Amino acid sequence: MNDLIRQQLADAKSTMDKAVDHADAELLKIRAGKAMPSMLDSVMVEYYGTPTPLSQVASINTPDARTLVVQPWEKPLLVKIEKAIIDSNVGLNPQNDGMVIRMNVPPLTEERRRDLVKKVKEEAERGRIAVRNIRKDINNKIQRLKSEGVSEDEIKTGEGEVQKLTDAYIIKIDKLAELKEKDIMTV
């Protein structure tokens, strides 16, 4: 196989890896009824006039499957952290006891579980679309190699390899979505 096509395949592989990682990160944000510190990743706290991620101004722990505990590194931040959690609209009710902030993660209803599964399917579809768009871009780049003297057969072989990569990465995304669905539907 031509070196130019090999380079395009390597680019496709690395870009598709990023697409799968992004889809995985998006799926992690969907809450499955268990308390996870990552649920608060989007919370920004006003820290000396600068919006700062919560994880950089406090420790976030899960003493049990249904509770999150946020312990600020500076006591005066307690009220600001509580306000930031409420404003961030993550669906948790913070309770400030003067030392730490506790949040109970409510159990999911059957209807809420179904909604979350729909969200998982939407996210997985976005991931599959991203992988297919990468396939399209790489195939276009491979087609442009004709002008650089790459034979028609090598181009067809390259496109076949891109399709194999695409299929493999779509299967990876489907497996991630399937695991997340199972996690959500487990009571």
C-alpha atoms as a PDB file:
ATOM      1  CA  MET A   1       0.000   0.000   0.000  1.00  0.00           C
ATOM      2  CA  ASN A   2       1.153   3.523  -0.802  1.00  0.00           C
ATOM      3  CA  ASP A   3       2.783   5.582   2.005  1.00  0.00           C
ATOM      4  CA  LEU A   4       0.433   8.519   1.372  1.00  0.00           C
ATOM      5  CA  ILE A   5      -2.575   6.257   1.895  1.00  0.00           C
ATOM      6  CA  ARG A   6      -0.979   4.776   5.037  1.00  0.00           C
ATOM      7  CA  GLN A   7      -0.598   8.320   6.392  1.00  0.00           C
ATOM      8  CA  GLN A   8      -4.281   9.032   5.717  1.00  0.00           C
ATOM      9  CA  LEU A   9      -5.258   5.802   7.496  1.00  0.00           C
ATOM     10  CA  ALA A  10      -3.127   6.762  10.518  1.00  0.00           C
ATOM     11  CA  ASP A  11      -4.817  10.186  10.579  1.00  0.00           C
ATOM     12  CA  ALA A  12      -8.234   8.524  10.350  1.00  0.00           C
ATOM     13  CA  LYS A  13      -7.407   6.174  13.231  1.00  0.00           C
ATOM     14  CA  SER A  14      -6.227   8.987  15.520  1.00  0.00           C
ATOM     15  CA  THR A  15      -9.212  11.223  14.690  1.00  0.00           C
ATOM     16  CA  MET A  16     -11.666   8.355  15.192  1.00  0.00           C
ATOM     17  CA  ASP A  17     -10.011   7.587  18.552  1.00  0.00           C
ATOM     18  CA  LYS A  18     -10.719  11.173  19.571  1.00  0.00           C
ATOM     19  CA  ALA A  19     -14.336  10.876  18.403  1.00  0.00           C
ATOM     20  CA  VAL A  20     -14.828   7.707  20.500  1.00  0.00           C
ATOM     21  CA  ASP A  21     -13.177   9.360  23.534  1.00  0.00           C
ATOM     22  CA  HIS A  22     -15.480  12.366  23.145  1.00  0.00           C
ATOM     23  CA  ALA A  23     -18.558  10.133  22.885  1.00  0.00           C
ATOM     24  CA  ASP A  24     -17.395   8.267  26.016  1.00  0.00           C
ATOM     25  CA  ALA A  25     -16.932  11.559  27.893  1.00  0.00           C
ATOM     26  CA  GLU A  26     -20.407  12.710  26.863  1.00  0.00           C
ATOM     27  CA  LEU A  27     -21.917   9.387  27.990  1.00  0.00           C
ATOM     28  CA  LEU A  28     -20.185   9.726  31.368  1.00  0.00           C
ATOM     29  CA  LYS A  29     -21.974  13.033  31.922  1.00  0.00           C
ATOM     30  CA  ILE A  30     -25.329  11.249  31.768  1.00  0.00           C
ATOM     31  CA  ARG A  31     -26.172  10.424  35.341  1.00  0.00           C
ATOM     32  CA  ALA A  32     -27.150   6.841  36.088  1.00  0.00           C
ATOM     33  CA  GLY A  33     -28.552   7.357  39.588  1.00  0.00           C
ATOM     34  CA  LYS A  34     -25.209   6.724  41.296  1.00  0.00           C
ATOM     35  CA  ALA A  35     -23.215   9.505  42.926  1.00  0.00           C
ATOM     36  CA  MET A  36     -20.064  10.252  40.932  1.00  0.00           C
ATOM     37  CA  PRO A  37     -17.651  13.176  41.386  1.00  0.00           C
ATOM     38  CA  SER A  38     -17.752  13.703  37.596  1.00  0.00           C
ATOM     39  CA  MET A  39     -21.374  14.872  37.986  1.00  0.00           C
ATOM     40  CA  LEU A  40     -19.972  18.184  39.225  1.00  0.00           C
ATOM     41  CA  ASP A  41     -17.381  18.656  36.435  1.00  0.00           C
ATOM     42  CA  SER A  42     -19.413  21.451  34.835  1.00  0.00           C
ATOM     43  CA  VAL A  43     -19.730  23.475  38.084  1.00  0.00           C
ATOM     44  CA  MET A  44     -17.711  26.710  38.048  1.00  0.00           C
ATOM     45  CA  VAL A  45     -17.051  28.578  41.335  1.00  0.00           C
ATOM     46  CA  GLU A  46     -16.238  32.296  41.605  1.00  0.00           C
ATOM     47  CA  TYR A  47     -12.716  32.176  43.100  1.00  0.00           C
ATOM     48  CA  TYR A  48     -10.988  35.542  43.601  1.00  0.00           C
ATOM     49  CA  GLY A  49     -13.013  36.982  40.720  1.00  0.00           C
ATOM     50  CA  THR A  50     -12.284  34.133  38.310  1.00  0.00           C
ATOM     51  CA  PRO A  51     -14.655  31.291  37.371  1.00  0.00           C
ATOM     52  CA  THR A  52     -12.775  28.150  38.448  1.00  0.00           C
ATOM     53  CA  PRO A  53     -13.780  24.455  38.147  1.00  0.00           C
ATOM     54  CA  LEU A  54     -15.117  23.102  41.454  1.00  0.00           C
ATOM     55  CA  SER A  55     -12.526  20.301  41.467  1.00  0.00           C
ATOM     56  CA  GLN A  56      -9.754  22.940  41.706  1.00  0.00           C
ATOM     57  CA  VAL A  57     -11.098  24.586  44.878  1.00  0.00           C
ATOM     58  CA  ALA A  58     -12.487  21.590  46.791  1.00  0.00           C
ATOM     59  CA  SER A  59     -12.285  17.839  47.154  1.00  0.00           C
ATOM     60  CA  ILE A  60     -15.299  15.857  45.960  1.00  0.00           C
ATOM     61  CA  ASN A  61     -15.965  12.452  47.559  1.00  0.00           C
ATOM     62  CA  THR A  62     -18.638   9.774  47.443  1.00  0.00           C
ATOM     63  CA  PRO A  63     -18.997   8.182  50.898  1.00  0.00           C
ATOM     64  CA  ASP A  64     -21.769   5.938  49.542  1.00  0.00           C
ATOM     65  CA  ALA A  65     -23.579   5.258  46.262  1.00  0.00           C
ATOM     66  CA  ARG A  66     -26.165   8.004  46.808  1.00  0.00           C
ATOM     67  CA  THR A  67     -24.180  10.836  48.451  1.00  0.00           C
ATOM     68  CA  LEU A  68     -21.673  13.412  47.229  1.00  0.00           C
ATOM     69  CA  VAL A  69     -19.593  15.396  49.728  1.00  0.00           C
ATOM     70  CA  VAL A  70     -17.767  18.582  48.715  1.00  0.00           C
ATOM     71  CA  GLN A  71     -15.098  19.847  51.112  1.00  0.00           C
ATOM     72  CA  PRO A  72     -13.622  23.237  50.158  1.00  0.00           C
ATOM     73  CA  TRP A  73      -9.941  23.904  50.729  1.00  0.00           C
ATOM     74  CA  GLU A  74     -10.827  27.371  52.051  1.00  0.00           C
ATOM     75  CA  LYS A  75     -13.784  27.730  54.419  1.00  0.00           C
ATOM     76  CA  PRO A  76     -15.046  31.090  53.048  1.00  0.00           C
ATOM     77  CA  LEU A  77     -15.730  29.342  49.714  1.00  0.00           C
ATOM     78  CA  LEU A  78     -18.475  27.164  51.224  1.00  0.00           C
ATOM     79  CA  VAL A  79     -21.301  29.604  50.400  1.00  0.00           C
ATOM     80  CA  LYS A  80     -19.924  30.339  46.897  1.00  0.00           C
ATOM     81  CA  ILE A  81     -19.664  26.614  46.144  1.00  0.00           C
ATOM     82  CA  GLU A  82     -23.225  26.025  47.352  1.00  0.00           C
ATOM     83  CA  LYS A  83     -24.491  28.869  45.125  1.00  0.00           C
ATOM     84  CA  ALA A  84     -22.485  27.581  42.133  1.00  0.00           C
ATOM     85  CA  ILE A  85     -23.985  24.080  42.494  1.00  0.00           C
ATOM     86  CA  ILE A  86     -27.512  25.508  42.640  1.00  0.00           C
ATOM     87  CA  ASP A  87     -26.856  27.827  39.650  1.00  0.00           C
ATOM     88  CA  SER A  88     -25.246  25.067  37.561  1.00  0.00           C
ATOM     89  CA  ASN A  89     -28.584  23.234  37.284  1.00  0.00           C
ATOM     90  CA  VAL A  90     -27.115  19.734  37.799  1.00  0.00           C
ATOM     91  CA  GLY A  91     -30.305  18.648  39.566  1.00  0.00           C
ATOM     92  CA  LEU A  92     -28.787  18.274  43.031  1.00  0.00           C
ATOM     93  CA  ASN A  93     -29.819  20.004  46.250  1.00  0.00           C
ATOM     94  CA  PRO A  94     -26.723  21.032  48.274  1.00  0.00           C
ATOM     95  CA  GLN A  95     -26.939  21.040  52.084  1.00  0.00           C
ATOM     96  CA  ASN A  96     -24.332  23.188  53.835  1.00  0.00           C
ATOM     97  CA  ASP A  97     -23.461  22.149  57.415  1.00  0.00           C
ATOM     98  CA  GLY A  98     -20.750  24.785  57.914  1.00  0.00           C
ATOM     99  CA  MET A  99     -17.911  22.334  57.220  1.00  0.00           C
ATOM    100  CA  VAL A 100     -18.861  20.441  54.037  1.00  0.00           C
ATOM    101  CA  ILE A 101     -21.640  20.399  51.459  1.00  0.00           C
ATOM    102  CA  ARG A 102     -23.614  17.169  51.154  1.00  0.00           C
ATOM    103  CA  MET A 103     -25.851  16.235  48.253  1.00  0.00           C
ATOM    104  CA  ASN A 104     -28.124  13.226  48.014  1.00  0.00           C
ATOM    105  CA  VAL A 105     -28.562  11.810  44.524  1.00  0.00           C
ATOM    106  CA  PRO A 106     -32.240  10.872  44.173  1.00  0.00           C
ATOM    107  CA  PRO A 107     -33.045   7.389  42.840  1.00  0.00           C
ATOM    108  CA  LEU A 108     -34.225   7.374  39.234  1.00  0.00           C
ATOM    109  CA  THR A 109     -37.858   6.708  38.334  1.00  0.00           C
ATOM    110  CA  GLU A 110     -38.666   4.313  35.486  1.00  0.00           C
ATOM    111  CA  GLU A 111     -39.735   7.234  33.286  1.00  0.00           C
ATOM    112  CA  ARG A 112     -36.511   9.139  34.015  1.00  0.00           C
ATOM    113  CA  ARG A 113     -34.481   6.022  33.193  1.00  0.00           C
ATOM    114  CA  ARG A 114     -36.184   5.786  29.789  1.00  0.00           C
ATOM    115  CA  ASP A 115     -35.443   9.468  29.115  1.00  0.00           C
ATOM    116  CA  LEU A 116     -31.787   8.901  30.017  1.00  0.00           C
ATOM    117  CA  VAL A 117     -31.617   5.885  27.683  1.00  0.00           C
ATOM    118  CA  LYS A 118     -32.952   8.128  24.881  1.00  0.00           C
ATOM    119  CA  LYS A 119     -30.197  10.619  25.696  1.00  0.00           C
ATOM    120  CA  VAL A 120     -27.616   7.814  25.554  1.00  0.00           C
ATOM    121  CA  LYS A 121     -28.909   6.766  22.124  1.00  0.00           C
ATOM    122  CA  GLU A 122     -28.729  10.375  20.878  1.00  0.00           C
ATOM    123  CA  GLU A 123     -25.148  10.744  22.145  1.00  0.00           C
ATOM    124  CA  ALA A 124     -24.137   7.430  20.564  1.00  0.00           C
ATOM    125  CA  GLU A 125     -25.671   8.544  17.249  1.00  0.00           C
ATOM    126  CA  ARG A 126     -23.667  11.788  17.429  1.00  0.00           C
ATOM    127  CA  GLY A 127     -20.538   9.685  17.923  1.00  0.00           C
ATOM    128  CA  ARG A 128     -21.401   7.460  14.946  1.00  0.00           C
ATOM    129  CA  ILE A 129     -22.051  10.536  12.782  1.00  0.00           C
ATOM    130  CA  ALA A 130     -18.669  11.984  13.801  1.00  0.00           C
ATOM    131  CA  VAL A 131     -16.925   8.738  12.796  1.00  0.00           C
ATOM    132  CA  ARG A 132     -18.781   8.658   9.450  1.00  0.00           C
ATOM    133  CA  ASN A 133     -17.835  12.299   8.774  1.00  0.00           C
ATOM    134  CA  ILE A 134     -14.192  11.399   9.428  1.00  0.00           C
ATOM    135  CA  ARG A 135     -14.552   8.522   6.936  1.00  0.00           C
ATOM    136  CA  LYS A 136     -15.941  10.933   4.340  1.00  0.00           C
ATOM    137  CA  ASP A 137     -13.081  13.432   4.850  1.00  0.00           C
ATOM    138  CA  ILE A 138     -10.387  10.762   4.672  1.00  0.00           C
ATOM    139  CA  ASN A 139     -11.943   9.199   1.547  1.00  0.00           C
ATOM    140  CA  ASN A 140     -11.942  12.650  -0.096  1.00  0.00           C
ATOM    141  CA  LYS A 141      -8.252  13.078   0.793  1.00  0.00           C
ATOM    142  CA  ILE A 142      -7.472   9.619  -0.582  1.00  0.00           C
ATOM    143  CA  GLN A 143      -9.337  10.478  -3.837  1.00  0.00           C
ATOM    144  CA  ARG A 144      -7.184  13.621  -4.180  1.00  0.00           C
ATOM    145  CA  LEU A 145      -4.065  11.408  -4.142  1.00  0.00           C
ATOM    146  CA  LYS A 146      -4.854  10.445  -7.780  1.00  0.00           C
ATOM    147  CA  SER A 147      -3.188  13.698  -8.817  1.00  0.00           C
ATOM    148  CA  GLU A 148      -0.019  12.575  -7.009  1.00  0.00           C
ATOM    149  CA  GLY A 149       0.269   9.405  -9.054  1.00  0.00           C
ATOM    150  CA  VAL A 150      -1.438   6.900  -6.738  1.00  0.00           C
ATOM    151  CA  SER A 151      -3.066   4.107  -8.735  1.00  0.00           C
ATOM    152  CA  GLU A 152      -6.815   3.506  -8.849  1.00  0.00           C
ATOM    153  CA  ASP A 153      -6.382   0.058  -7.205  1.00  0.00           C
ATOM    154  CA  GLU A 154      -4.433   1.504  -4.269  1.00  0.00           C
ATOM    155  CA  ILE A 155      -7.107   4.158  -3.795  1.00  0.00           C
ATOM    156  CA  LYS A 156      -9.852   1.477  -3.726  1.00  0.00           C
ATOM    157  CA  THR A 157      -7.794  -0.569  -1.230  1.00  0.00           C
ATOM    158  CA  GLY A 158      -7.323   2.546   0.928  1.00  0.00           C
ATOM    159  CA  GLU A 159     -11.046   3.291   0.894  1.00  0.00           C
ATOM    160  CA  GLY A 160     -11.746  -0.316   1.883  1.00  0.00           C
ATOM    161  CA  GLU A 161      -9.373   0.033   4.859  1.00  0.00           C
ATOM    162  CA  VAL A 162     -11.074   3.293   5.885  1.00  0.00           C
ATOM    163  CA  GLN A 163     -14.436   1.480   5.813  1.00  0.00           C
ATOM    164  CA  LYS A 164     -13.041  -1.311   8.037  1.00  0.00           C
ATOM    165  CA  LEU A 165     -11.789   1.319  10.514  1.00  0.00           C
ATOM    166  CA  THR A 166     -15.169   3.066  10.435  1.00  0.00           C
ATOM    167  CA  ASP A 167     -17.018  -0.185  11.165  1.00  0.00           C
ATOM    168  CA  ALA A 168     -14.667  -1.012  14.063  1.00  0.00           C
ATOM    169  CA  TYR A 169     -15.068   2.427  15.671  1.00  0.00           C
ATOM    170  CA  ILE A 170     -18.849   2.418  15.288  1.00  0.00           C
ATOM    171  CA  ILE A 171     -18.892  -0.951  17.096  1.00  0.00           C
ATOM    172  CA  LYS A 172     -16.815   0.618  19.917  1.00  0.00           C
ATOM    173  CA  ILE A 173     -19.331   3.457  20.266  1.00  0.00           C
ATOM    174  CA  ASP A 174     -22.243   0.988  20.242  1.00  0.00           C
ATOM    175  CA  LYS A 175     -20.592  -1.040  23.041  1.00  0.00           C
ATOM    176  CA  LEU A 176     -20.075   2.103  25.156  1.00  0.00           C
ATOM    177  CA  ALA A 177     -23.730   3.058  24.665  1.00  0.00           C
ATOM    178  CA  GLU A 178     -24.890  -0.477  25.481  1.00  0.00           C
ATOM    179  CA  LEU A 179     -22.903  -0.490  28.748  1.00  0.00           C
ATOM    180  CA  LYS A 180     -24.310   2.914  29.705  1.00  0.00           C
ATOM    181  CA  GLU A 181     -27.878   1.779  28.952  1.00  0.00           C
ATOM    182  CA  LYS A 182     -27.392  -1.318  31.085  1.00  0.00           C
ATOM    183  CA  ASP A 183     -25.991   0.869  33.881  1.00  0.00           C
ATOM    184  CA  ILE A 184     -28.994   3.215  33.724  1.00  0.00           C
ATOM    185  CA  MET A 185     -31.608   0.460  33.614  1.00  0.00           C
ATOM    186  CA  THR A 186     -30.071  -1.447  36.554  1.00  0.00           C
ATOM    187  CA  VAL A 187     -32.099  -0.630  39.661  1.00  0.00           C
END
